[in-house]
C-alpha atoms as a PDB file:
ATOM      1  CA  MET A   1      86.531  -7.726  14.221  1.00  0.00           C
ATOM      2  CA  PRO A   2      85.661  -9.023  10.829  1.00  0.00           C
ATOM      3  CA  ILE A   3      88.792  -9.266   8.988  1.00  0.00           C
ATOM      4  CA  ASP A   4      89.252  -7.942   5.032  1.00  0.00           C
ATOM      5  CA  ALA A   5      90.667  -9.990   2.181  1.00  0.00           C
ATOM      6  CA  PRO A   6      94.635  -8.127   1.842  1.00  0.00           C
ATOM      7  CA  TRP A   7      94.535  -5.205  -0.687  1.00  0.00           C
ATOM      8  CA  ILE A   8      96.443  -6.545  -3.024  1.00  0.00           C
ATOM      9  CA  ASP A   9      95.594 -10.504  -3.360  1.00  0.00           C
ATOM     10  CA  PRO A  10      99.047 -12.662  -2.618  1.00  0.00           C
ATOM     11  CA  ALA A  11      98.673 -14.828  -5.566  1.00  0.00           C
ATOM     12  CA  GLN A  12      99.680 -11.382  -7.627  1.00  0.00           C
ATOM     13  CA  LEU A  13     102.678 -11.165  -5.990  1.00  0.00           C
ATOM     14  CA  THR A  14     104.431 -14.517  -7.373  1.00  0.00           C
ATOM     15  CA  MET A  15     108.051 -12.070  -8.182  1.00  0.00           C
ATOM     16  CA  PHE A  16     107.877 -11.445  -4.169  1.00  0.00           C
ATOM     17  CA  ASP A  17     109.140 -12.855  -0.800  1.00  0.00           C
ATOM     18  CA  VAL A  18     105.196 -12.953   0.841  1.00  0.00           C
ATOM     19  CA  SER A  19     105.073 -13.926   4.455  1.00  0.00           C
ATOM     20  CA  GLN A  20     101.537 -13.559   6.215  1.00  0.00           C
ATOM     21  CA  THR A  21     100.264 -14.434   9.870  1.00  0.00           C
ATOM     22  CA  ARG A  22      97.053 -15.391  11.319  1.00  0.00           C
ATOM     23  CA  SER A  23      98.115 -15.155  14.618  1.00  0.00           C
ATOM     24  CA  ALA A  24      98.050 -11.939  16.826  1.00  0.00           C
ATOM     25  CA  GLU A  25     100.878 -13.112  18.896  1.00  0.00           C
ATOM     26  CA  ALA A  26     103.495 -12.996  16.485  1.00  0.00           C
ATOM     27  CA  LEU A  27     102.677  -9.397  16.221  1.00  0.00           C
ATOM     28  CA  ASP A  28     102.684  -8.488  20.195  1.00  0.00           C
ATOM     29  CA  GLY A  29     106.277  -6.994  20.649  1.00  0.00           C
ATOM     30  CA  THR A  30     107.678 -10.567  21.665  1.00  0.00           C
ATOM     31  CA  SER A  31     108.947 -11.370  17.843  1.00  0.00           C
ATOM     32  CA  ARG A  32     110.548  -9.454  15.329  1.00  0.00           C
ATOM     33  CA  VAL A  33     110.402  -8.780  11.866  1.00  0.00           C
ATOM     34  CA  GLY A  34     113.552  -7.969   9.917  1.00  0.00           C
ATOM     35  CA  GLU A  35     113.795  -5.634   6.904  1.00  0.00           C
ATOM     36  CA  ARG A  36     115.286  -8.426   4.933  1.00  0.00           C
ATOM     37  CA  VAL A  37     118.451  -5.984   4.044  1.00  0.00           C
ATOM     38  CA  ALA A  38     122.235  -7.857   3.762  1.00  0.00           C
ATOM     39  CA  GLN A  39     124.428  -7.053   6.718  1.00  0.00           C
ATOM     40  CA  SER A  40     121.787  -5.018   7.718  1.00  0.00           C
ATOM     41  CA  SER A  41     121.091  -5.031  12.278  1.00  0.00           C
ATOM     42  CA  ARG A  42     117.732  -3.122  11.960  1.00  0.00           C
ATOM     43  CA  VAL A  43     114.543  -5.126  13.175  1.00  0.00           C
ATOM     44  CA  TYR A  44     111.111  -3.739  13.059  1.00  0.00           C
ATOM     45  CA  ARG A  45     108.683  -4.471  16.106  1.00  0.00           C
ATOM     46  CA  TYR A  46     104.934  -4.580  15.748  1.00  0.00           C
ATOM     47  CA  GLN A  47     102.659  -4.491  18.298  1.00  0.00           C
ATOM     48  CA  LEU A  48      98.645  -4.269  18.171  1.00  0.00           C
ATOM     49  CA  GLN A  49      97.154  -1.150  19.777  1.00  0.00           C
ATOM     50  CA  ASP A  50      93.972  -3.230  21.313  1.00  0.00           C
ATOM     51  CA  SER A  51      95.323  -5.369  24.219  1.00  0.00           C
ATOM     52  CA  ALA A  52      92.408  -7.413  23.586  1.00  0.00           C
ATOM     53  CA  LEU A  53      93.894  -8.951  20.761  1.00  0.00           C
ATOM     54  CA  TRP A  54      97.108 -10.099  21.830  1.00  0.00           C
ATOM     55  CA  ARG A  55      96.240 -13.670  21.977  1.00  0.00           C
ATOM     56  CA  GLY A  56      93.758 -13.771  19.157  1.00  0.00           C
ATOM     57  CA  SER A  57      94.005 -16.002  16.153  1.00  0.00           C
ATOM     58  CA  PHE A  58      92.181 -15.631  12.981  1.00  0.00           C
ATOM     59  CA  ALA A  59      91.062 -17.405  10.128  1.00  0.00           C
ATOM     60  CA  SER A  60      92.731 -14.791   7.745  1.00  0.00           C
ATOM     61  CA  PRO A  61      96.077 -13.266   7.445  1.00  0.00           C
ATOM     62  CA  ILE A  62      96.191  -9.922   9.981  1.00  0.00           C
ATOM     63  CA  PHE A  63      99.477  -8.835   8.415  1.00  0.00           C
ATOM     64  CA  THR A  64     100.600  -9.911   4.723  1.00  0.00           C
ATOM     65  CA  LEU A  65     104.474  -8.735   4.157  1.00  0.00           C
ATOM     66  CA  ALA A  66     105.867  -9.194   0.569  1.00  0.00           C
ATOM     67  CA  THR A  67     109.552  -8.141  -0.568  1.00  0.00           C
ATOM     68  CA  ARG A  68     111.633  -8.035  -3.294  1.00  0.00           C
ATOM     69  CA  HIS A  69     115.085  -6.814  -4.266  1.00  0.00           C
ATOM     70  CA  ALA A  70     115.973  -5.685  -7.613  1.00  0.00           C
ATOM     71  CA  GLY A  71     119.559  -3.950  -8.721  1.00  0.00           C
ATOM     72  CA  SER A  72     120.174  -1.849  -5.892  1.00  0.00           C
ATOM     73  CA  LEU A  73     116.215  -1.323  -4.826  1.00  0.00           C
ATOM     74  CA  LEU A  74     114.061  -2.905  -1.923  1.00  0.00           C
ATOM     75  CA  ALA A  75     110.173  -2.851  -3.147  1.00  0.00           C
ATOM     76  CA  SER A  76     107.767  -4.118  -0.476  1.00  0.00           C
ATOM     77  CA  TYR A  77     104.134  -4.077   0.155  1.00  0.00           C
ATOM     78  CA  ALA A  78     102.494  -4.533   3.153  1.00  0.00           C
ATOM     79  CA  ASP A  79      98.773  -4.949   4.566  1.00  0.00           C
ATOM     80  CA  SER A  80      97.552  -4.050   8.440  1.00  0.00           C
ATOM     81  CA  GLN A  81      94.066  -5.354   9.406  1.00  0.00           C
ATOM     82  CA  PHE A  82      94.210  -3.926  12.787  1.00  0.00           C
ATOM     83  CA  ALA A  83      95.910  -0.833  14.030  1.00  0.00           C
ATOM     84  CA  THR A  84      99.623  -1.557  14.789  1.00  0.00           C
ATOM     85  CA  GLU A  85     102.961   0.247  16.809  1.00  0.00           C
ATOM     86  CA  VAL A  86     106.108  -0.179  15.234  1.00  0.00           C
ATOM     87  CA  SER A  87     109.542   0.739  16.157  1.00  0.00           C
ATOM     88  CA  VAL A  88     112.763   0.205  14.740  1.00  0.00           C
ATOM     89  CA  ASP A  89     115.767  -1.186  16.456  1.00  0.00           C
ATOM     90  CA  GLY A  90     119.153  -1.277  15.783  1.00  0.00           C
ATOM     91  CA  ASP A  91     121.768   1.090  13.554  1.00  0.00           C
ATOM     92  CA  GLU A  92     121.324   3.726  12.165  1.00  0.00           C
ATOM     93  CA  GLY A  93     119.413   3.393   8.672  1.00  0.00           C
ATOM     94  CA  ASP A  94     121.018   2.867   5.535  1.00  0.00           C
ATOM     95  CA  LEU A  95     118.416   2.723   3.521  1.00  0.00           C
ATOM     96  CA  PHE A  96     115.456   5.666   2.283  1.00  0.00           C
ATOM     97  CA  CYS A  97     112.207   4.796   2.107  1.00  0.00           C
ATOM     98  CA  LEU A  98     109.331   6.727   0.053  1.00  0.00           C
ATOM     99  CA  THR A  99     105.638   5.158   1.367  1.00  0.00           C
ATOM    100  CA  THR A 100     102.718   5.112  -0.392  1.00  0.00           C
ATOM    101  CA  MET A 101      99.279   4.997   1.449  1.00  0.00           C
ATOM    102  CA  LEU A 102      96.979   2.395  -0.799  1.00  0.00           C
ATOM    103  CA  ARG A 103      94.642   2.650   2.127  1.00  0.00           C
ATOM    104  CA  GLY A 104      94.104   4.206   5.842  1.00  0.00           C
ATOM    105  CA  ASP A 105      97.116   6.160   6.860  1.00  0.00           C
ATOM    106  CA  MET A 106     100.166   5.684   9.074  1.00  0.00           C
ATOM    107  CA  ALA A 107     101.857   8.116  11.464  1.00  0.00           C
ATOM    108  CA  LEU A 108     105.625   8.486  11.222  1.00  0.00           C
ATOM    109  CA  THR A 109     107.262  10.319  14.624  1.00  0.00           C
ATOM    110  CA  ARG A 110     110.993  11.389  14.008  1.00  0.00           C
ATOM    111  CA  ASN A 111     113.227  13.371  16.544  1.00  0.00           C
ATOM    112  CA  GLY A 112     109.857  13.610  18.397  1.00  0.00           C
ATOM    113  CA  ALA A 113     107.538  15.536  15.132  1.00  0.00           C
ATOM    114  CA  THR A 114     104.804  13.644  13.792  1.00  0.00           C
ATOM    115  CA  VAL A 115     103.579  13.613  10.157  1.00  0.00           C
ATOM    116  CA  THR A 116     100.308  11.548   8.570  1.00  0.00           C
ATOM    117  CA  GLY A 117     100.605   9.842   5.075  1.00  0.00           C
ATOM    118  CA  THR A 118      97.815   9.142   3.363  1.00  0.00           C
ATOM    119  CA  ALA A 119      96.312   8.556   0.140  1.00  0.00           C
ATOM    120  CA  ALA A 120      97.069  11.663  -0.744  1.00  0.00           C
ATOM    121  CA  GLN A 121     100.597  12.448   0.707  1.00  0.00           C
ATOM    122  CA  GLY A 122     103.116  10.287   0.972  1.00  0.00           C
ATOM    123  CA  LEU A 123     106.110  10.104   3.518  1.00  0.00           C
ATOM    124  CA  ALA A 124     109.965   9.909   2.732  1.00  0.00           C
ATOM    125  CA  TRP A 125     111.847   8.648   5.912  1.00  0.00           C
ATOM    126  CA  ARG A 126     115.013   6.917   7.079  1.00  0.00           C
ATOM    127  CA  PRO A 127     114.558   3.634   9.223  1.00  0.00           C
ATOM    128  CA  GLY A 128     116.291   4.037  12.078  1.00  0.00           C
ATOM    129  CA  PRO A 129     116.294   3.994  16.143  1.00  0.00           C
ATOM    130  CA  ARG A 130     114.555   7.344  16.146  1.00  0.00           C
ATOM    131  CA  SER A 131     111.772   6.243  13.901  1.00  0.00           C
ATOM    132  CA  ARG A 132     107.979   5.123  15.117  1.00  0.00           C
ATOM    133  CA  LEU A 133     105.186   4.535  12.663  1.00  0.00           C
ATOM    134  CA  LEU A 134     101.298   4.399  14.358  1.00  0.00           C
ATOM    135  CA  ILE A 135      99.623   2.512  11.992  1.00  0.00           C
ATOM    136  CA  SER A 136      95.608   2.709  11.453  1.00  0.00           C
ATOM    137  CA  ASP A 137      93.216  -0.189  11.022  1.00  0.00           C
ATOM    138  CA  ARG A 138      92.731  -1.847   7.411  1.00  0.00           C
ATOM    139  CA  SER A 139      95.613  -0.186   6.167  1.00  0.00           C
ATOM    140  CA  ALA A 140      97.556  -1.341   3.874  1.00  0.00           C
ATOM    141  CA  ARG A 141     101.063   0.837   1.553  1.00  0.00           C
ATOM    142  CA  THR A 142     103.936   0.066  -0.382  1.00  0.00           C
ATOM    143  CA  ASN A 143     107.076   1.143   0.438  1.00  0.00           C
ATOM    144  CA  ILE A 144     110.157   1.433  -2.307  1.00  0.00           C
ATOM    145  CA  PHE A 145     113.743   1.994  -0.967  1.00  0.00           C
ATOM    146  CA  PHE A 146     116.962   3.536  -1.977  1.00  0.00           C
ATOM    147  CA  LYS A 147     120.607   2.955  -0.780  1.00  0.00           C
ATOM    148  CA  VAL A 148     121.384   6.327   1.425  1.00  0.00           C
ATOM    149  CA  SER A 149     124.930   6.122   0.046  1.00  0.00           C
ATOM    150  CA  GLU A 150     123.686   5.836  -4.054  1.00  0.00           C
ATOM    151  CA  VAL A 151     121.285   8.621  -3.593  1.00  0.00           C
ATOM    152  CA  GLU A 152     123.854  10.864  -1.193  1.00  0.00           C
ATOM    153  CA  ASP A 153     126.559  10.196  -4.231  1.00  0.00           C
ATOM    154  CA  ALA A 154     124.013  11.346  -6.818  1.00  0.00           C
ATOM    155  CA  LEU A 155     123.012  14.480  -5.088  1.00  0.00           C
ATOM    156  CA  GLU A 156     127.359  15.205  -4.766  1.00  0.00           C
ATOM    157  CA  HIS A 157     127.325  14.667  -8.519  1.00  0.00           C
ATOM    158  CA  MET A 158     124.408  17.132  -8.988  1.00  0.00           C
ATOM    159  CA  LEU A 159     126.138  19.763  -6.340  1.00  0.00           C
ATOM    160  CA  ASP A 160     129.444  19.237  -7.825  1.00  0.00           C
ATOM    161  CA  ARG A 161     131.159  18.940  -4.453  1.00  0.00           C
ATOM    162  CA  ARG A 162     131.003  17.213  -1.312  1.00  0.00           C
ATOM    163  CA  LEU A 163     128.283  16.965   1.651  1.00  0.00           C
ATOM    164  CA  ARG A 164     129.167  18.774   4.564  1.00  0.00           C
ATOM    165  CA  ARG A 165     125.639  17.413   6.279  1.00  0.00           C
ATOM    166  CA  PRO A 166     124.070  13.842   5.659  1.00  0.00           C
ATOM    167  CA  LEU A 167     120.806  14.515   3.797  1.00  0.00           C
ATOM    168  CA  GLU A 168     117.730  14.410   5.230  1.00  0.00           C
ATOM    169  CA  PHE A 169     114.460  14.945   3.454  1.00  0.00           C
ATOM    170  CA  GLU A 170     111.450  16.623   4.484  1.00  0.00           C
ATOM    171  CA  PRO A 171     109.258  13.668   5.859  1.00  0.00           C
ATOM    172  CA  LEU A 172     105.717  14.729   4.095  1.00  0.00           C
ATOM    173  CA  VAL A 173     105.193  15.165   0.396  1.00  0.00           C
ATOM    174  CA  ASP A 174     102.209  16.380  -1.426  1.00  0.00           C
ATOM    175  CA  TRP A 175     101.720  14.001  -4.194  1.00  0.00           C
ATOM    176  CA  SER A 176      98.929  16.244  -6.119  1.00  0.00           C
ATOM    177  CA  HIS A 177     101.340  18.587  -8.129  1.00  0.00           C
ATOM    178  CA  GLY A 178     104.871  19.403  -9.723  1.00  0.00           C
ATOM    179  CA  LEU A 179     107.686  16.813  -9.977  1.00  0.00           C
ATOM    180  CA  ALA A 180     105.990  15.200  -6.605  1.00  0.00           C
ATOM    181  CA  ALA A 181     103.134  14.093  -8.578  1.00  0.00           C
ATOM    182  CA  SER A 182     106.024  12.528 -11.334  1.00  0.00           C
ATOM    183  CA  LEU A 183     107.536  10.472  -8.613  1.00  0.00           C
ATOM    184  CA  LYS A 184     104.314   9.278  -7.502  1.00  0.00           C
ATOM    185  CA  TRP A 185     103.375   8.197 -11.148  1.00  0.00           C
ATOM    186  CA  GLN A 186     107.089   6.549 -11.296  1.00  0.00           C
ATOM    187  CA  LEU A 187     106.464   4.639  -8.094  1.00  0.00           C
ATOM    188  CA  ASP A 188     103.392   3.619  -8.543  1.00  0.00           C
ATOM    189  CA  PHE A 189     105.004   1.825 -11.893  1.00  0.00           C
ATOM    190  CA  MET A 190     107.630   0.308 -10.729  1.00  0.00           C
ATOM    191  CA  MET A 191     105.366  -1.244  -7.938  1.00  0.00           C
ATOM    192  CA  ARG A 192     103.552  -2.876 -10.631  1.00  0.00           C
ATOM    193  CA  GLU A 193     107.028  -3.621 -12.608  1.00  0.00           C
ATOM    194  CA  PHE A 194     108.120  -5.943  -9.394  1.00  0.00           C
ATOM    195  CA  GLN A 195     105.096  -7.943  -9.901  1.00  0.00           C
ATOM    196  CA  ARG A 196     106.004  -9.028 -13.603  1.00  0.00           C
ATOM    197  CA  PRO A 197     108.860 -11.389 -13.905  1.00  0.00           C
ATOM    198  CA  ASP A 198     109.797 -10.438 -17.719  1.00  0.00           C
ATOM    199  CA  GLY A 199     109.262  -6.078 -17.028  1.00  0.00           C
ATOM    200  CA  VAL A 200     111.655  -3.271 -15.879  1.00  0.00           C
ATOM    201  CA  ALA A 201     112.764  -5.147 -12.187  1.00  0.00           C
ATOM    202  CA  GLY A 202     114.139  -8.274 -14.387  1.00  0.00           C
ATOM    203  CA  SER A 203     116.130  -6.153 -17.021  1.00  0.00           C
ATOM    204  CA  ALA A 204     119.525  -4.883 -15.395  1.00  0.00           C
ATOM    205  CA  VAL A 205     119.800  -2.385 -18.879  1.00  0.00           C
ATOM    206  CA  ALA A 206     116.368  -1.180 -17.682  1.00  0.00           C
ATOM    207  CA  LEU A 207     116.509  -1.090 -13.925  1.00  0.00           C
ATOM    208  CA  ALA A 208     119.777   1.221 -13.999  1.00  0.00           C
ATOM    209  CA  SER A 209     117.952   4.018 -16.056  1.00  0.00           C
ATOM    210  CA  MET A 210     114.746   3.623 -14.426  1.00  0.00           C
ATOM    211  CA  THR A 211     116.778   3.816 -10.683  1.00  0.00           C
ATOM    212  CA  ASP A 212     118.460   6.568 -12.115  1.00  0.00           C
ATOM    213  CA  LEU A 213     115.584   8.608 -12.959  1.00  0.00           C
ATOM    214  CA  LEU A 214     113.891   7.670  -9.662  1.00  0.00           C
ATOM    215  CA  VAL A 215     116.866   8.856  -7.847  1.00  0.00           C
ATOM    216  CA  THR A 216     116.597  12.165  -9.985  1.00  0.00           C
ATOM    217  CA  LEU A 217     112.997  12.414  -9.267  1.00  0.00           C
ATOM    218  CA  LEU A 218     113.520  12.153  -5.442  1.00  0.00           C
ATOM    219  CA  LEU A 219     116.421  14.737  -5.447  1.00  0.00           C
ATOM    220  CA  ARG A 220     114.385  17.409  -7.237  1.00  0.00           C
ATOM    221  CA  ALA A 221     110.744  16.401  -5.801  1.00  0.00           C
ATOM    222  CA  VAL A 222     111.006  16.142  -2.006  1.00  0.00           C
ATOM    223  CA  PRO A 223     112.093  18.926  -0.652  1.00  0.00           C
ATOM    224  CA  HIS A 224     115.806  18.473   1.758  1.00  0.00           C
ATOM    225  CA  ASN A 225     118.663  19.873   3.852  1.00  0.00           C
ATOM    226  CA  HIS A 226     120.082  20.915   0.686  1.00  0.00           C
ATOM    227  CA  THR A 227     117.608  22.108  -1.546  1.00  0.00           C
ATOM    228  CA  ASP A 228     118.454  25.624  -1.796  1.00  0.00           C
ATOM    229  CA  GLN A 229     121.951  24.287  -3.423  1.00  0.00           C
ATOM    230  CA  LEU A 230     120.334  22.652  -6.247  1.00  0.00           C
ATOM    231  CA  GLU A 231     118.533  26.021  -7.452  1.00  0.00           C
ATOM    232  CA  VAL A 232     121.846  27.349  -7.951  1.00  0.00           C
ATOM    233  CA  ALA A 233     122.754  28.056 -12.215  1.00  0.00           C
ATOM    234  CA  PRO A 234     124.630  24.897 -13.477  1.00  0.00           C
ATOM    235  CA  ALA A 235     127.903  25.108 -14.351  1.00  0.00           C
ATOM    236  CA  GLY A 236     129.014  26.237 -18.047  1.00  0.00           C
ATOM    237  CA  ALA A 237     129.249  23.518 -20.491  1.00  0.00           C
ATOM    238  CA  VAL A 238     132.351  22.001 -22.088  1.00  0.00           C
ATOM    239  CA  PRO A 239     130.916  19.690 -25.487  1.00  0.00           C
ATOM    240  CA  ALA A 240     133.964  17.093 -25.107  1.00  0.00           C
ATOM    241  CA  TYR A 241     131.809  16.413 -22.354  1.00  0.00           C
ATOM    242  CA  VAL A 242     128.768  15.828 -24.525  1.00  0.00           C
ATOM    243  CA  ARG A 243     130.959  13.328 -27.209  1.00  0.00           C
ATOM    244  CA  ARG A 244     132.777  11.683 -24.638  1.00  0.00           C
ATOM    245  CA  ALA A 245     129.169  10.802 -22.741  1.00  0.00           C
ATOM    246  CA  GLU A 246     127.729   9.878 -26.388  1.00  0.00           C
ATOM    247  CA  ASP A 247     131.032   7.207 -27.278  1.00  0.00           C
ATOM    248  CA  PHE A 248     130.662   5.596 -23.616  1.00  0.00           C
ATOM    249  CA  MET A 249     126.722   4.989 -24.544  1.00  0.00           C
ATOM    250  CA  ARG A 250     127.354   3.744 -27.642  1.00  0.00           C
ATOM    251  CA  ALA A 251     130.054   1.325 -26.608  1.00  0.00           C
ATOM    252  CA  ASN A 252     127.944   0.236 -23.440  1.00  0.00           C
ATOM    253  CA  CYS A 253     124.024   0.867 -24.472  1.00  0.00           C
ATOM    254  CA  ALA A 254     123.589  -2.929 -24.361  1.00  0.00           C
ATOM    255  CA  ALA A 255     124.642  -2.609 -20.372  1.00  0.00           C
ATOM    256  CA  PRO A 256     123.009  -1.750 -17.592  1.00  0.00           C
ATOM    257  CA  ILE A 257     124.322   2.022 -17.081  1.00  0.00           C
ATOM    258  CA  ARG A 258     124.096   4.296 -14.074  1.00  0.00           C
ATOM    259  CA  MET A 259     124.125   8.188 -14.923  1.00  0.00           C
ATOM    260  CA  ALA A 260     127.159   8.325 -12.306  1.00  0.00           C
ATOM    261  CA  GLN A 261     128.975   5.931 -14.928  1.00  0.00           C
ATOM    262  CA  VAL A 262     128.344   8.216 -18.153  1.00  0.00           C
ATOM    263  CA  ALA A 263     129.370  11.324 -15.897  1.00  0.00           C
ATOM    264  CA  ALA A 264     132.738   9.587 -14.607  1.00  0.00           C
ATOM    265  CA  ALA A 265     133.469   8.537 -18.132  1.00  0.00           C
ATOM    266  CA  ALA A 266     132.646  12.329 -19.855  1.00  0.00           C
ATOM    267  CA  GLU A 267     134.810  13.356 -16.670  1.00  0.00           C
ATOM    268  CA  CYS A 268     132.634  15.894 -15.006  1.00  0.00           C
ATOM    269  CA  SER A 269     129.867  15.660 -12.413  1.00  0.00           C
ATOM    270  CA  LEU A 270     126.075  14.578 -13.083  1.00  0.00           C
ATOM    271  CA  ARG A 271     125.107  18.592 -12.864  1.00  0.00           C
ATOM    272  CA  THR A 272     127.176  19.962 -15.542  1.00  0.00           C
ATOM    273  CA  LEU A 273     126.074  16.557 -17.523  1.00  0.00           C
ATOM    274  CA  ASP A 274     122.766  17.161 -17.231  1.00  0.00           C
ATOM    275  CA  ALA A 275     123.813  21.095 -18.391  1.00  0.00           C
ATOM    276  CA  VAL A 276     125.606  20.153 -21.178  1.00  0.00           C
ATOM    277  CA  PHE A 277     123.171  17.827 -22.465  1.00  0.00           C
ATOM    278  CA  ARG A 278     120.506  20.291 -22.633  1.00  0.00           C
ATOM    279  CA  ARG A 279     122.162  23.023 -23.919  1.00  0.00           C
ATOM    280  CA  PHE A 280     123.716  21.320 -26.369  1.00  0.00           C
ATOM    281  CA  ARG A 281     121.109  18.245 -27.101  1.00  0.00           C
ATOM    282  CA  GLY A 282     118.109  19.614 -26.204  1.00  0.00           C
ATOM    283  CA  THR A 283     117.789  17.262 -23.870  1.00  0.00           C
ATOM    284  CA  THR A 284     119.033  14.990 -20.748  1.00  0.00           C
ATOM    285  CA  PRO A 285     121.330  12.232 -20.619  1.00  0.00           C
ATOM    286  CA  LEU A 286     119.006   9.663 -19.861  1.00  0.00           C
ATOM    287  CA  GLY A 287     117.093  10.561 -22.649  1.00  0.00           C
ATOM    288  CA  ALA A 288     120.302  10.647 -24.964  1.00  0.00           C
ATOM    289  CA  LEU A 289     120.580   7.358 -24.055  1.00  0.00           C
ATOM    290  CA  HIS A 290     117.144   6.130 -24.843  1.00  0.00           C
ATOM    291  CA  ALA A 291     117.514   7.526 -28.225  1.00  0.00           C
ATOM    292  CA  ILE A 292     120.868   5.663 -28.427  1.00  0.00           C
ATOM    293  CA  ARG A 293     119.186   2.702 -27.366  1.00  0.00           C
ATOM    294  CA  LEU A 294     116.603   2.954 -30.135  1.00  0.00           C
ATOM    295  CA  GLU A 295     119.143   3.722 -32.900  1.00  0.00           C
ATOM    296  CA  GLN A 296     121.269   0.783 -32.318  1.00  0.00           C
ATOM    297  CA  VAL A 297     118.266  -1.663 -32.364  1.00  0.00           C
ATOM    298  CA  HIS A 298     117.527  -0.087 -35.329  1.00  0.00           C
ATOM    299  CA  ALA A 299     120.425  -1.070 -36.546  1.00  0.00           C
ATOM    300  CA  GLU A 300     120.625  -4.568 -35.578  1.00  0.00           C
ATOM    301  CA  LEU A 301     116.997  -5.032 -36.963  1.00  0.00           C
ATOM    302  CA  ARG A 302     118.495  -3.044 -40.598  1.00  0.00           C
ATOM    303  CA  ARG A 303     121.611  -5.885 -40.563  1.00  0.00           C
ATOM    304  CA  GLY A 304     119.054  -8.665 -39.755  1.00  0.00           C
ATOM    305  CA  ALA A 305     118.742 -10.249 -36.509  1.00  0.00           C
ATOM    306  CA  GLY A 306     119.338 -13.378 -37.433  1.00  0.00           C
ATOM    307  CA  ASP A 307     117.335 -16.079 -35.397  1.00  0.00           C
ATOM    308  CA  ALA A 308     116.706 -13.135 -32.529  1.00  0.00           C
ATOM    309  CA  SER A 309     113.145 -11.787 -32.202  1.00  0.00           C
ATOM    310  CA  ILE A 310     112.345  -8.156 -32.520  1.00  0.00           C
ATOM    311  CA  ALA A 311     111.672  -8.804 -28.833  1.00  0.00           C
ATOM    312  CA  THR A 312     114.478 -10.534 -27.505  1.00  0.00           C
ATOM    313  CA  VAL A 313     116.587  -7.561 -29.249  1.00  0.00           C
ATOM    314  CA  ALA A 314     114.521  -4.610 -27.826  1.00  0.00           C
ATOM    315  CA  ARG A 315     114.933  -6.426 -24.258  1.00  0.00           C
ATOM    316  CA  ARG A 316     118.953  -6.333 -24.685  1.00  0.00           C
ATOM    317  CA  HIS A 317     118.995  -2.812 -24.865  1.00  0.00           C
ATOM    318  CA  GLY A 318     116.698  -2.498 -22.181  1.00  0.00           C
ATOM    319  CA  PHE A 319     112.952  -1.849 -23.850  1.00  0.00           C
ATOM    320  CA  THR A 320     111.023  -4.345 -21.538  1.00  0.00           C
ATOM    321  CA  ASN A 321     106.854  -2.570 -22.727  1.00  0.00           C
ATOM    322  CA  ALA A 322     106.264  -3.959 -26.246  1.00  0.00           C
ATOM    323  CA  ALA A 323     103.819  -1.336 -26.541  1.00  0.00           C
ATOM    324  CA  ARG A 324     105.896   1.282 -25.416  1.00  0.00           C
ATOM    325  CA  PHE A 325     108.773   0.482 -27.592  1.00  0.00           C
ATOM    326  CA  GLY A 326     106.905   0.418 -30.541  1.00  0.00           C
ATOM    327  CA  SER A 327     105.463   4.149 -30.266  1.00  0.00           C
ATOM    328  CA  ALA A 328     109.202   4.828 -29.263  1.00  0.00           C
ATOM    329  CA  PHE A 329     110.463   3.527 -32.337  1.00  0.00           C
ATOM    330  CA  ARG A 330     108.160   4.258 -34.885  1.00  0.00           C
ATOM    331  CA  ARG A 331     107.772   8.296 -33.751  1.00  0.00           C
ATOM    332  CA  ARG A 332     112.093   8.022 -34.235  1.00  0.00           C
ATOM    333  CA  PHE A 333     112.098   6.364 -37.563  1.00  0.00           C
ATOM    334  CA  GLY A 334     108.779   6.544 -39.240  1.00  0.00           C
ATOM    335  CA  GLU A 335     108.069   3.080 -39.276  1.00  0.00           C
ATOM    336  CA  THR A 336     107.773  -0.245 -37.214  1.00  0.00           C
ATOM    337  CA  PRO A 337     110.559  -1.936 -35.832  1.00  0.00           C
ATOM    338  CA  SER A 338     108.754  -5.656 -38.417  1.00  0.00           C
ATOM    339  CA  GLU A 339     108.877  -3.050 -41.332  1.00  0.00           C
ATOM    340  CA  VAL A 340     112.537  -2.593 -40.509  1.00  0.00           C
ATOM    341  CA  ALA A 341     113.230  -6.438 -39.769  1.00  0.00           C
ATOM    342  CA  ARG A 342     110.901  -7.569 -43.068  1.00  0.00           C
ATOM    343  CA  ARG A 343     113.006  -5.299 -45.390  1.00  0.00           C
ATOM    344  CA  ALA A 344     116.191  -6.683 -43.660  1.00  0.00           C
ATOM    345  CA  SER A 345     114.956 -10.233 -44.350  1.00  0.00           C
ATOM    346  CA  ARG A 346     114.608  -9.605 -48.260  1.00  0.00           C
ATOM    347  CA  THR A 347     117.663  -8.200 -48.628  1.00  0.00           C
END
């Protein structure tokens, strides 16, 4: 059977830990491929569906796995040349996984029910002993893993109360419309950033904000067993929450900030924080943090940044994409960062 080149060239994944195998015996169910998550007892068993291939060796890789950790996120890329069954052994997963198919399909069986991920629909699942995967020939996929504890904490802040039941997502995600389409776009963006040494994944400040955005989209875009509770109207606004939150953001805008920290500083839940910012500032807390960081960069450039370049000042405040930073800066202040810096150098 002919072997295709991997869907993504491993040479593009220099920031990832990449492993490849050319021997079918390595995937015949006798060896185990770990999740590579610290303190996890979960392992993935891979078994080729065609037993005629079990003793084969190939000149090209038949399986590629690339992983990278950044902050609390784990991103992975996997490429399978042959149809493979994957079972998960060990403890109940402490991660949620969002799978995006690049080619081929992957059927997920969990608790006796089976759904199939394709290019048009992703999978939201929790790897664990109740999960089994059937991956098609010539398939490739990306995965972004979130800590269950962080996602459930964010949901509790949104609801302003403790969860009575563990969070469970409906496994099939239609990428074609609504917030799910926005989530898909952000997941694709993050996978590209994970490939860069100087992107969002390499900036703790930017990554904290992106993680909050991804978790919020995940909880809003993918139906789950608490979705109905999120539709309840938000609690009343208290302006003091806004002032405390903004003071905290300004004092810490050059540090990694998660919205849960902002809510704690404001002495309210994430749900209330979102409500008061929308009512009194016409934006989200994350949007307000973005604006405050732009203001801080503007202020530093006006004072003169010394030997630091504009890119250094911007990156220190979480702006890793020069083009997007420049556009946002000009929209807000009506001039470019270079113009501000040049004016400061003449004074």
